[in-house]
Amino acid sequence: MSLQARIEGKTARVAVVGQGYVGLPLAVEFARVGFRVTGLDADRERVAALIRGESYIPDVPSRVLQQVSASGCYVATSDVAVLADQDAIVLCVPTPLRKSKDPDVSHVLASARDVARYLVPGQLVVLESTTYPGTTEEVLLPMFQERGLRVGRDFYLAFSPERIDPGNVTYSVRDIPKLVGGITPACTRMAALLYRQIVGQVFELSSPTVAELAKLYENTFRSVNIALANELALICHHLGVSVWEVIEAAATKPFGFMAFSPGPGIGGHCIPIDPFYLSWKARLNGYEAKFIALADEINRTMPRFVLGLVTEALNQRGKPINGTKILVVGVAYKRGVGDVRESPALEIIEELLRKGAHVRYSDPFVPTLALPDRRLEAAAMNRELLQWSELALILTDHREFDYEAIVSQAPLVVDTRNATRGLTAPAGRIFRL
């Protein structure tokens, strides 16, 4: 039976390499529609949890993981030898930055080497990890062809960028259109066929490079526009105007405007990182991406600006940061998730501690927080904690927080997310970004 027939009949065996916030939801979605899926991950503790039916990804409830496991459609392992028995292999591994802000594709290379070692005729390989333009054609393809197999005839290779938004209850894997760019037209068609089994809309592109660039542009677009909103916040602060009212006013225009919100900085695995994959590749080809550098510069000033707001708020009470009890409300990089990668809260907390503040934090999604020189435990948000604090600093606007209680019980509030909009308090009690 051909690969096409096995995909259409959902009898194809699918391996998803990397069982993180991208790979696990994707693997579970394939399993839910009947594919026999192997979730491959190098982290043995993760694999052990998955085998027990315990999900560590909020977008995948444990009960759903248990259902697909009990049906025999999903199994987790760390054994890379299973790659030889698969019909389709999807790579969903991390692509961080080095300290020099150059791309670190070491995880992609390691996974690709495993695939190359076990590659057999008839397999489809798709890279989903965000990476620089040219990775699929210039790095993966030569590795897979070393043993004499020809792409588009003996095996299929494509790039299809992950677009998942952790914590988004409106758009899950099945709701987000997929982009697919294959090395050859046959590669594109085969990869698109696979994704059409789980996604409503699949767009076929002319090459992997176009798909790689599209993903980078999506997140660069967000980075640049968030930077513009952050710069507007800085301007409004100097003018004594509410940035939130300005943005809401501009958003009344039904065309030509898209509202972005300012905040204490940017975080997560995508927006602070992906634009540098694009600027790095541009620099190699003789072009300096000015917007990307400027956006990063502005976004990275926001934690310092937030510290300035805290200082300003305390100064009006005649208090220094040193010795003040500060409650940080939310430390994840965005609402609804427990991800603290690149979160601006980390830099802000470290600086508050350095300045001598007594810091505690509350976050329903982050039970512990590892800092370079200490480890903090989350505190339950309650009256006792709020009355302990001398200032509540809202850095993540989780829906689980009772902001009315925070405003009424904390002596002083600095709100960087406009979470307290509509709430009133005595003059000088709430400081908003």
Protein backbone atom coordinates (compact mmCIF):
# COMPACT_ATOMS: atom_id res chain seq x y z
CA MET A 1 0.00 0.00 0.00
CA SER A 2 1.37 3.44 -0.93
CA LEU A 3 2.15 6.14 1.63
CA GLN A 4 -0.67 8.23 0.19
CA ALA A 5 -3.15 5.40 0.73
CA ARG A 6 -1.94 4.81 4.28
CA ILE A 7 -2.30 8.50 5.12
CA GLU A 8 -5.77 8.72 3.60
CA GLY A 9 -6.79 5.55 5.42
CA LYS A 10 -5.22 6.79 8.66
CA THR A 11 -3.19 3.59 8.92
CA ALA A 12 0.12 5.46 8.56
CA ARG A 13 2.41 5.35 11.58
CA VAL A 14 3.39 8.84 12.71
CA ALA A 15 6.28 9.79 14.99
CA VAL A 16 6.42 13.24 16.54
CA VAL A 17 9.92 14.05 17.77
CA GLY A 18 9.77 16.41 20.74
CA GLN A 19 6.85 16.27 23.17
CA GLY A 20 6.79 19.85 24.35
CA TYR A 21 4.18 22.57 23.90
CA VAL A 22 4.21 22.03 20.11
CA GLY A 23 4.88 18.32 19.71
CA LEU A 24 2.53 16.87 22.32
CA PRO A 25 -0.65 18.66 21.12
CA LEU A 26 0.23 17.69 17.53
CA ALA A 27 0.82 14.05 18.45
CA VAL A 28 -2.42 13.86 20.41
CA GLU A 29 -4.37 15.41 17.53
CA PHE A 30 -3.07 12.79 15.09
CA ALA A 31 -3.91 10.08 17.63
CA ARG A 32 -7.43 11.42 18.18
CA VAL A 33 -8.33 10.89 14.53
CA GLY A 34 -6.99 7.34 14.52
CA PHE A 35 -3.34 7.42 13.50
CA ARG A 36 -0.94 5.22 15.46
CA VAL A 37 1.37 7.84 16.94
CA THR A 38 4.70 7.58 18.72
CA GLY A 39 5.73 10.54 20.83
CA LEU A 40 9.53 10.59 20.93
CA ASP A 41 11.38 12.69 23.49
CA ALA A 42 14.92 12.59 24.89
CA ASP A 43 13.70 13.65 28.34
CA ARG A 44 13.03 10.37 30.16
CA GLU A 45 11.09 12.09 32.95
CA ARG A 46 8.73 13.54 30.36
CA VAL A 47 8.31 10.15 28.75
CA ALA A 48 7.62 8.52 32.12
CA ALA A 49 4.91 11.11 32.82
CA LEU A 50 3.32 10.55 29.43
CA ILE A 51 3.31 6.79 29.95
CA ARG A 52 1.50 7.38 33.26
CA GLY A 53 -1.03 9.50 31.41
CA GLU A 54 0.07 12.72 33.07
CA SER A 55 0.18 15.75 30.78
CA TYR A 56 2.51 18.65 31.61
CA ILE A 57 1.10 20.78 28.77
CA PRO A 58 -2.02 22.82 29.70
CA ASP A 59 -3.36 22.55 26.14
CA VAL A 60 -3.49 18.75 26.49
CA PRO A 61 -5.69 17.63 29.41
CA SER A 62 -4.48 14.45 31.08
CA ARG A 63 -7.84 12.79 30.43
CA VAL A 64 -7.38 13.29 26.67
CA LEU A 65 -3.86 11.88 26.84
CA GLN A 66 -5.18 8.89 28.76
CA GLN A 67 -7.92 8.32 26.19
CA VAL A 68 -5.58 8.19 23.19
CA SER A 69 -3.13 6.04 25.13
CA ALA A 70 -5.85 3.58 26.18
CA SER A 71 -7.07 3.33 22.58
CA GLY A 72 -3.60 2.24 21.50
CA CYS A 73 -3.20 5.26 19.23
CA TYR A 74 -0.49 6.98 21.29
CA VAL A 75 2.66 5.73 22.94
CA ALA A 76 5.64 7.68 24.30
CA THR A 77 9.27 6.57 24.18
CA SER A 78 12.88 7.76 24.21
CA ASP A 79 14.05 5.00 21.86
CA VAL A 80 15.07 6.61 18.55
CA ALA A 81 15.18 3.19 16.88
CA VAL A 82 11.38 3.40 16.49
CA LEU A 83 12.00 5.91 13.67
CA ALA A 84 12.77 3.04 11.31
CA ASP A 85 9.18 1.77 11.65
CA GLN A 86 7.41 5.06 10.90
CA ASP A 87 5.68 6.30 7.76
CA ALA A 88 5.81 9.98 8.72
CA ILE A 89 8.19 11.77 11.09
CA VAL A 90 7.53 15.29 12.34
CA LEU A 91 10.31 17.21 14.10
CA CYS A 92 9.12 19.59 16.85
CA VAL A 93 12.31 20.31 18.80
CA PRO A 94 13.48 23.58 20.40
CA THR A 95 15.41 26.21 18.44
CA PRO A 96 16.79 28.71 20.99
CA LEU A 97 19.36 31.46 20.56
CA ARG A 98 22.98 31.34 21.60
CA LYS A 99 24.26 34.06 23.93
CA SER A 100 25.54 35.83 20.81
CA LYS A 101 21.92 35.89 19.52
CA ASP A 102 22.85 33.54 16.69
CA PRO A 103 20.55 30.59 15.91
CA ASP A 104 21.12 27.42 17.89
CA VAL A 105 19.88 24.54 15.72
CA SER A 106 21.71 21.86 17.67
CA HIS A 107 18.45 20.11 18.63
CA VAL A 108 17.33 20.08 15.00
CA LEU A 109 20.69 18.69 13.92
CA ALA A 110 20.63 15.97 16.58
CA SER A 111 17.11 14.89 15.64
CA ALA A 112 17.90 15.03 11.93
CA ARG A 113 20.92 12.78 12.46
CA ASP A 114 18.68 10.24 14.19
CA VAL A 115 16.21 10.39 11.30
CA ALA A 116 19.00 10.05 8.72
CA ARG A 117 20.35 6.99 10.52
CA TYR A 118 16.99 5.20 10.35
CA LEU A 119 15.57 6.70 7.15
CA VAL A 120 14.00 4.10 4.88
CA PRO A 121 12.38 4.45 1.43
CA GLY A 122 8.83 5.77 1.43
CA GLN A 123 9.06 7.93 4.56
CA LEU A 124 7.82 11.49 4.91
CA VAL A 125 9.83 13.88 7.12
CA VAL A 126 8.49 17.28 8.14
CA LEU A 127 10.33 19.93 10.14
CA GLU A 128 8.06 22.16 12.26
CA SER A 129 10.69 23.84 14.46
CA THR A 130 11.07 27.55 13.79
CA THR A 131 14.41 28.10 12.10
CA TYR A 132 16.32 30.29 9.68
CA PRO A 133 15.43 30.29 5.97
CA GLY A 134 17.28 27.54 4.15
CA THR A 135 17.56 25.05 7.02
CA THR A 136 15.39 22.38 5.38
CA GLU A 137 17.13 22.53 2.00
CA GLU A 138 20.68 23.35 3.07
CA VAL A 139 21.00 21.30 6.27
CA LEU A 140 18.43 18.50 6.41
CA LEU A 141 18.30 17.51 2.73
CA PRO A 142 22.05 16.73 2.36
CA MET A 143 21.94 14.63 5.55
CA PHE A 144 19.01 12.57 4.29
CA GLN A 145 20.46 12.04 0.82
CA GLU A 146 23.86 10.79 2.03
CA ARG A 147 22.75 7.17 1.73
CA GLY A 148 21.71 7.55 -1.88
CA LEU A 149 17.97 8.09 -1.40
CA ARG A 150 16.44 10.68 -3.74
CA VAL A 151 14.06 13.30 -2.39
CA GLY A 152 10.62 13.34 -3.99
CA ARG A 153 11.03 9.75 -5.17
CA ASP A 154 12.47 7.64 -2.33
CA PHE A 155 11.46 9.91 0.54
CA TYR A 156 9.60 13.18 1.09
CA LEU A 157 10.87 16.25 2.95
CA ALA A 158 8.99 19.44 3.82
CA PHE A 159 8.80 22.34 6.24
CA SER A 160 5.54 23.25 7.97
CA PRO A 161 5.92 25.88 10.70
CA GLU A 162 4.27 25.36 14.06
CA ARG A 163 1.76 28.08 14.80
CA ILE A 164 0.44 26.96 18.15
CA ASP A 165 -0.48 29.62 20.71
CA PRO A 166 -0.14 28.11 24.20
CA GLY A 167 -3.13 28.77 26.41
CA ASN A 168 -5.35 29.89 23.52
CA VAL A 169 -8.73 28.22 24.05
CA THR A 170 -10.12 29.54 20.75
CA TYR A 171 -7.44 28.29 18.35
CA SER A 172 -6.10 24.78 18.90
CA VAL A 173 -4.07 22.63 16.49
CA ARG A 174 -7.07 21.74 14.34
CA ASP A 175 -8.24 25.36 14.05
CA ILE A 176 -4.99 26.97 12.86
CA PRO A 177 -4.29 26.84 9.09
CA LYS A 178 -1.08 25.05 8.15
CA LEU A 179 1.58 26.20 5.70
CA VAL A 180 3.51 23.50 3.85
CA GLY A 181 6.56 23.92 1.62
CA GLY A 182 8.23 20.79 0.27
CA ILE A 183 11.57 20.25 -1.46
CA THR A 184 9.65 19.02 -4.53
CA PRO A 185 5.98 19.33 -5.53
CA ALA A 186 5.50 15.68 -4.56
CA CYS A 187 6.94 16.43 -1.10
CA THR A 188 4.57 19.36 -0.68
CA ARG A 189 1.54 17.31 -1.70
CA MET A 190 2.40 14.42 0.63
CA ALA A 191 3.00 16.64 3.65
CA ALA A 192 -0.15 18.66 2.93
CA LEU A 193 -2.13 15.41 2.68
CA LEU A 194 -0.92 14.37 6.13
CA TYR A 195 -1.94 17.67 7.75
CA ARG A 196 -5.32 17.70 6.00
CA GLN A 197 -6.26 14.71 8.14
CA ILE A 198 -6.28 16.94 11.23
CA VAL A 199 -6.44 20.57 10.03
CA GLY A 200 -9.24 22.27 8.11
CA GLN A 201 -7.07 24.53 5.96
CA VAL A 202 -3.67 23.67 4.49
CA PHE A 203 -1.86 26.05 2.15
CA GLU A 204 0.75 24.62 -0.21
CA LEU A 205 3.74 26.89 -0.83
CA SER A 206 6.42 26.85 -3.50
CA SER A 207 9.36 25.93 -1.25
CA PRO A 208 10.47 25.26 2.32
CA THR A 209 12.23 28.64 2.35
CA VAL A 210 8.95 30.49 1.79
CA ALA A 211 7.37 28.56 4.67
CA GLU A 212 10.37 29.24 6.92
CA LEU A 213 10.25 32.96 6.10
CA ALA A 214 6.49 33.17 6.63
CA LYS A 215 6.83 31.85 10.17
CA LEU A 216 9.62 34.29 11.01
CA TYR A 217 7.69 37.18 9.54
CA GLU A 218 4.61 36.33 11.62
CA ASN A 219 6.53 36.66 14.87
CA THR A 220 8.67 39.57 13.71
CA PHE A 221 5.41 41.38 12.89
CA ARG A 222 4.28 40.84 16.47
CA SER A 223 7.63 41.85 17.96
CA VAL A 224 7.76 45.10 15.99
CA ASN A 225 4.17 46.06 16.76
CA ILE A 226 4.50 45.22 20.45
CA ALA A 227 7.60 47.43 20.47
CA LEU A 228 5.57 50.25 18.92
CA ALA A 229 2.90 49.83 21.62
CA ASN A 230 5.62 49.81 24.28
CA GLU A 231 7.18 52.97 22.87
CA LEU A 232 3.75 54.60 22.85
CA ALA A 233 3.46 53.68 26.53
CA LEU A 234 6.76 55.43 27.23
CA ILE A 235 5.60 58.51 25.31
CA CYS A 236 2.23 58.58 27.09
CA HIS A 237 3.94 58.31 30.47
CA HIS A 238 5.94 61.45 29.70
CA LEU A 239 2.80 63.22 28.45
CA GLY A 240 0.67 62.17 31.42
CA VAL A 241 -1.86 60.35 29.23
CA SER A 242 -3.29 56.82 29.56
CA VAL A 243 -1.77 54.62 26.84
CA TRP A 244 -4.68 52.22 27.25
CA GLU A 245 -7.23 54.92 26.45
CA VAL A 246 -5.19 55.98 23.41
CA ILE A 247 -5.06 52.41 22.05
CA GLU A 248 -8.76 51.84 22.68
CA ALA A 249 -9.55 55.08 20.88
CA ALA A 250 -7.41 54.13 17.87
CA ALA A 251 -9.02 50.68 17.77
CA THR A 252 -12.42 52.21 17.02
CA LYS A 253 -11.24 52.64 13.42
CA PRO A 254 -12.72 49.69 11.48
CA PHE A 255 -9.85 49.43 8.99
CA GLY A 256 -6.12 50.07 8.77
CA PHE A 257 -5.40 49.52 12.46
CA MET A 258 -4.65 46.47 14.61
CA ALA A 259 -4.44 46.91 18.37
CA PHE A 260 -1.35 45.66 20.21
CA SER A 261 -0.90 46.06 23.94
CA PRO A 262 2.17 47.28 25.83
CA GLY A 263 3.50 45.36 28.81
CA PRO A 264 6.48 44.75 31.08
CA GLY A 265 8.46 43.19 28.22
CA ILE A 266 8.21 40.23 25.88
CA GLY A 267 8.74 36.57 26.67
CA GLY A 268 8.18 33.01 25.57
CA HIS A 269 10.02 30.90 23.05
CA CYS A 270 8.90 32.76 19.91
CA ILE A 271 8.67 36.55 19.88
CA PRO A 272 11.98 37.36 21.67
CA ILE A 273 13.86 34.74 19.60
CA ASP A 274 12.42 34.15 16.14
CA PRO A 275 13.18 37.61 14.69
CA PHE A 276 16.89 37.00 15.28
CA TYR A 277 16.77 33.91 13.08
CA LEU A 278 15.62 36.22 10.31
CA SER A 279 18.10 39.04 11.01
CA TRP A 280 20.98 36.53 11.28
CA LYS A 281 20.19 35.09 7.86
CA ALA A 282 19.76 38.57 6.39
CA ARG A 283 23.15 39.60 7.79
CA LEU A 284 24.79 36.58 6.15
CA ASN A 285 23.39 37.82 2.87
CA GLY A 286 24.61 41.39 3.28
CA TYR A 287 21.56 43.11 4.75
CA GLU A 288 21.12 44.55 8.25
CA ALA A 289 17.54 44.22 9.55
CA LYS A 290 17.08 47.55 11.31
CA PHE A 291 13.47 47.17 12.46
CA ILE A 292 14.24 43.91 14.25
CA ALA A 293 17.15 45.41 16.19
CA LEU A 294 15.18 48.52 17.13
CA ALA A 295 12.12 46.53 18.25
CA ASP A 296 14.33 44.35 20.45
CA GLU A 297 15.97 47.43 21.95
CA ILE A 298 12.61 48.97 22.88
CA ASN A 299 11.08 45.75 24.19
CA ARG A 300 14.10 45.09 26.37
CA THR A 301 13.85 48.52 28.01
CA MET A 302 10.42 47.71 29.46
CA PRO A 303 11.58 45.79 32.57
CA ARG A 304 13.70 48.81 33.53
CA PHE A 305 10.75 51.11 32.90
CA VAL A 306 8.59 48.92 35.18
CA LEU A 307 11.23 49.18 37.90
CA GLY A 308 11.04 52.94 37.45
CA LEU A 309 7.26 52.80 37.98
CA VAL A 310 7.76 50.82 41.18
CA THR A 311 10.30 53.37 42.38
CA GLU A 312 7.95 56.23 41.49
CA ALA A 313 5.02 54.63 43.30
CA LEU A 314 7.05 53.98 46.44
CA ASN A 315 8.60 57.45 46.38
CA GLN A 316 5.14 58.97 46.70
CA ARG A 317 4.85 57.03 49.98
CA GLY A 318 8.32 58.09 51.03
CA LYS A 319 9.64 54.53 50.80
CA PRO A 320 12.69 53.06 49.03
CA ILE A 321 12.67 49.69 47.26
CA ASN A 322 15.19 48.47 49.84
CA GLY A 323 13.31 46.69 52.62
CA THR A 324 9.87 46.95 50.96
CA LYS A 325 7.63 43.87 50.80
CA ILE A 326 6.69 43.43 47.13
CA LEU A 327 4.20 40.87 45.89
CA VAL A 328 4.69 39.96 42.22
CA VAL A 329 1.36 38.96 40.70
CA GLY A 330 2.07 36.52 37.87
CA VAL A 331 5.47 35.49 36.54
CA ALA A 332 4.64 33.57 33.34
CA TYR A 333 5.37 35.36 30.08
CA LYS A 334 1.63 35.50 29.24
CA ARG A 335 -1.72 34.75 30.81
CA GLY A 336 -3.01 31.20 31.02
CA VAL A 337 0.34 29.40 30.77
CA GLY A 338 3.10 28.27 33.10
CA ASP A 339 5.96 29.10 30.74
CA VAL A 340 8.56 31.47 32.17
CA ARG A 341 11.06 31.26 29.30
CA GLU A 342 12.33 34.77 28.55
CA SER A 343 9.66 36.17 30.88
CA PRO A 344 10.34 39.81 31.83
CA ALA A 345 9.26 38.89 35.37
CA LEU A 346 12.58 37.11 35.87
CA GLU A 347 14.67 40.22 35.21
CA ILE A 348 12.33 42.39 37.24
CA ILE A 349 12.35 40.08 40.28
CA GLU A 350 16.13 39.68 40.15
CA GLU A 351 16.59 43.45 40.13
CA LEU A 352 14.09 43.97 42.96
CA LEU A 353 15.98 41.43 45.05
CA ARG A 354 19.30 43.05 44.16
CA LYS A 355 17.92 46.37 45.37
CA GLY A 356 16.99 44.82 48.71
CA ALA A 357 13.25 44.25 48.34
CA HIS A 358 11.51 41.35 50.09
CA VAL A 359 9.83 39.58 47.17
CA ARG A 360 7.13 36.95 47.10
CA TYR A 361 5.15 35.89 44.06
CA SER A 362 1.85 34.26 43.22
CA ASP A 363 1.13 32.42 39.98
CA PRO A 364 -1.34 29.53 39.69
CA PHE A 365 0.63 28.04 36.78
CA VAL A 366 4.20 28.38 38.14
CA PRO A 367 4.66 26.55 41.47
CA THR A 368 8.40 27.24 41.69
CA LEU A 369 10.66 29.82 40.12
CA ALA A 370 14.36 29.17 39.60
CA LEU A 371 16.54 32.27 39.65
CA PRO A 372 20.33 32.28 39.21
CA ASP A 373 21.07 32.38 42.94
CA ARG A 374 17.87 31.21 44.60
CA ARG A 375 14.61 29.33 44.21
CA LEU A 376 11.24 30.87 45.06
CA GLU A 377 8.02 29.06 45.90
CA ALA A 378 4.66 30.39 44.76
CA ALA A 379 2.35 31.75 47.44
CA ALA A 380 -1.41 31.32 47.37
CA MET A 381 -3.21 34.54 46.53
CA ASN A 382 -5.26 35.43 49.58
CA ARG A 383 -6.02 38.24 52.03
CA GLU A 384 -3.05 37.38 54.25
CA LEU A 385 -0.60 37.60 51.33
CA LEU A 386 -2.06 40.89 50.09
CA GLN A 387 -1.97 42.42 53.55
CA TRP A 388 1.66 41.25 53.93
CA SER A 389 2.59 43.20 50.83
CA GLU A 390 3.39 46.88 50.71
CA LEU A 391 3.12 46.90 46.91
CA ALA A 392 1.48 44.47 44.49
CA LEU A 393 3.16 44.40 41.08
CA ILE A 394 0.96 42.88 38.35
CA LEU A 395 3.20 41.38 35.66
CA THR A 396 0.92 38.65 34.24
CA ASP A 397 -2.82 39.14 33.96
CA HIS A 398 -4.00 35.59 34.66
CA ARG A 399 -7.80 35.35 34.70
CA GLU A 400 -7.56 33.34 37.91
CA PHE A 401 -6.62 36.42 39.97
CA ASP A 402 -9.28 38.47 41.75
CA TYR A 403 -8.17 41.96 40.77
CA GLU A 404 -10.91 43.65 42.78
CA ALA A 405 -9.49 41.97 45.90
CA ILE A 406 -5.95 42.95 44.92
CA VAL A 407 -6.94 46.59 44.51
CA SER A 408 -8.95 46.71 47.74
CA GLN A 409 -6.49 44.83 49.96
CA ALA A 410 -3.01 45.72 48.68
CA PRO A 411 -1.80 49.11 49.96
CA LEU A 412 -0.28 50.01 46.57
CA VAL A 413 -0.66 48.49 43.08
CA VAL A 414 1.53 48.82 40.00
CA ASP A 415 -0.37 47.36 37.02
CA THR A 416 1.63 46.67 33.85
CA ARG A 417 -1.18 44.83 32.02
CA ASN A 418 -4.22 47.06 32.55
CA ALA A 419 -5.71 44.18 34.54
CA THR A 420 -7.32 46.65 36.96
CA ARG A 421 -9.17 48.63 34.27
CA GLY A 422 -12.56 49.75 35.46
CA LEU A 423 -11.58 49.41 39.10
CA THR A 424 -11.31 52.51 41.24
CA ALA A 425 -9.21 53.23 44.29
CA PRO A 426 -8.13 56.29 46.28
CA ALA A 427 -5.83 58.62 44.35
CA GLY A 428 -2.24 57.50 44.23
CA ARG A 429 -3.02 53.84 45.02
CA ILE A 430 -2.91 52.38 41.49
CA PHE A 431 -0.07 53.10 39.07
CA ARG A 432 -0.69 51.83 35.55
CA LEU A 433 1.75 51.41 32.69
